[in-house]
Amino acid sequence: MLGRPIVNKHRAYTFYRPSALWIAQIMVDMAFGAAQILMFSIIVYFMCGLVLDAGAFFTFYLIIITGYLAMTVCALSGSSLFKHQKSFPLLSRLRESI
């Protein structure tokens, strides 16, 4: 997150809770991500020749949205554990290489 120093300063001055920022960030990411994921799901679902049923398609879409939300929450919670912005990506790269 680019505004991490600002968030840390606001937290020190108790302007607002950082959890409000994270919840707002997730909501905005989901709004933009849902449209991109819908386009991706339409292309992949019908290219793979899966069942031509609305219920099956929206189940597929819901599973992908849930995975996207889980990865977003993991990334935000992991980056919130570190004070410096560049620490978490370095740790995740180290974990992937093991």
Protein backbone atom coordinates (compact mmCIF):
# COMPACT_ATOMS: atom_id res chain seq x y z
CA MET A 1 0.00 0.00 0.00
CA LEU A 2 1.44 3.30 -1.06
CA GLY A 3 0.01 5.34 1.81
CA ARG A 4 1.54 3.29 4.60
CA PRO A 5 3.45 6.23 6.19
CA ILE A 6 0.24 8.26 6.18
CA VAL A 7 -1.70 5.39 7.77
CA ASN A 8 0.96 5.04 10.46
CA LYS A 9 0.80 8.78 11.17
CA HIS A 10 -3.01 8.71 11.38
CA ARG A 11 -2.84 5.71 13.69
CA ALA A 12 -0.42 7.58 15.96
CA TYR A 13 -2.72 10.61 16.08
CA THR A 14 -5.80 8.32 16.42
CA PHE A 15 -7.63 10.03 13.54
CA TYR A 16 -9.37 6.82 12.54
CA ARG A 17 -8.88 3.11 12.90
CA PRO A 18 -6.65 1.40 10.32
CA SER A 19 -9.21 -1.40 10.11
CA ALA A 20 -11.59 1.07 8.44
CA LEU A 21 -9.01 1.64 5.73
CA TRP A 22 -8.47 -2.09 5.19
CA ILE A 23 -12.21 -2.80 5.00
CA ALA A 24 -12.66 0.05 2.51
CA GLN A 25 -9.69 -1.23 0.48
CA ILE A 26 -11.19 -4.72 0.29
CA MET A 27 -14.58 -3.35 -0.77
CA VAL A 28 -13.05 -1.25 -3.56
CA ASP A 29 -10.84 -4.12 -4.71
CA MET A 30 -13.84 -6.44 -4.81
CA ALA A 31 -15.89 -3.97 -6.85
CA PHE A 32 -13.21 -3.64 -9.53
CA GLY A 33 -12.09 -7.24 -9.26
CA ALA A 34 -15.61 -8.64 -9.67
CA ALA A 35 -15.92 -7.16 -13.16
CA GLN A 36 -12.52 -8.48 -14.23
CA ILE A 37 -13.23 -11.89 -12.74
CA LEU A 38 -16.62 -12.01 -14.49
CA MET A 39 -14.98 -11.45 -17.87
CA PHE A 40 -12.31 -14.04 -17.06
CA SER A 41 -14.93 -16.54 -15.88
CA ILE A 42 -17.07 -16.15 -19.00
CA ILE A 43 -14.11 -16.77 -21.28
CA VAL A 44 -12.61 -19.68 -19.35
CA TYR A 45 -15.89 -21.38 -18.47
CA PHE A 46 -17.16 -21.59 -22.00
CA MET A 47 -13.76 -22.29 -23.58
CA CYS A 48 -13.39 -25.33 -21.33
CA GLY A 49 -16.80 -26.59 -22.37
CA LEU A 50 -18.18 -26.92 -18.87
CA VAL A 51 -21.88 -27.52 -18.14
CA LEU A 52 -24.10 -24.99 -19.92
CA ASP A 53 -26.21 -24.15 -16.88
CA ALA A 54 -26.59 -20.81 -15.11
CA GLY A 55 -26.35 -22.38 -11.65
CA ALA A 56 -23.10 -24.16 -12.50
CA PHE A 57 -21.60 -21.01 -14.01
CA PHE A 58 -22.43 -18.85 -11.00
CA THR A 59 -21.08 -21.52 -8.65
CA PHE A 60 -17.83 -21.40 -10.65
CA TYR A 61 -17.87 -17.59 -10.45
CA LEU A 62 -18.53 -17.64 -6.69
CA ILE A 63 -15.64 -20.02 -6.08
CA ILE A 64 -13.25 -17.79 -8.02
CA ILE A 65 -14.50 -14.65 -6.21
CA THR A 66 -14.04 -16.42 -2.86
CA GLY A 67 -10.47 -17.38 -3.76
CA TYR A 68 -9.73 -13.81 -4.83
CA LEU A 69 -11.11 -12.46 -1.57
CA ALA A 70 -9.11 -14.98 0.46
CA MET A 71 -5.86 -14.06 -1.30
CA THR A 72 -6.57 -10.34 -0.85
CA VAL A 73 -7.18 -10.78 2.86
CA CYS A 74 -4.02 -12.89 3.22
CA ALA A 75 -1.94 -10.27 1.42
CA LEU A 76 -3.36 -7.38 3.47
CA SER A 77 -3.05 -9.18 6.78
CA GLY A 78 0.48 -10.29 5.97
CA SER A 79 1.56 -6.82 4.98
CA SER A 80 -0.05 -5.29 8.07
CA LEU A 81 2.26 -7.36 10.29
CA PHE A 82 5.31 -5.48 9.06
CA LYS A 83 6.06 -1.83 9.61
CA HIS A 84 7.98 -1.36 6.37
CA GLN A 85 6.28 -1.88 3.05
CA LYS A 86 9.00 -3.96 1.40
CA SER A 87 9.40 -6.53 4.19
CA PHE A 88 6.37 -8.71 3.40
CA PRO A 89 7.09 -9.33 -0.32
CA LEU A 90 10.64 -10.31 0.57
CA LEU A 91 9.40 -12.75 3.18
CA SER A 92 6.85 -14.27 0.80
CA ARG A 93 9.51 -14.72 -1.90
CA LEU A 94 11.75 -16.42 0.64
CA ARG A 95 8.90 -18.74 1.63
CA GLU A 96 8.19 -19.62 -2.02
CA SER A 97 11.81 -20.51 -2.68
CA ILE A 98 11.95 -23.02 0.18
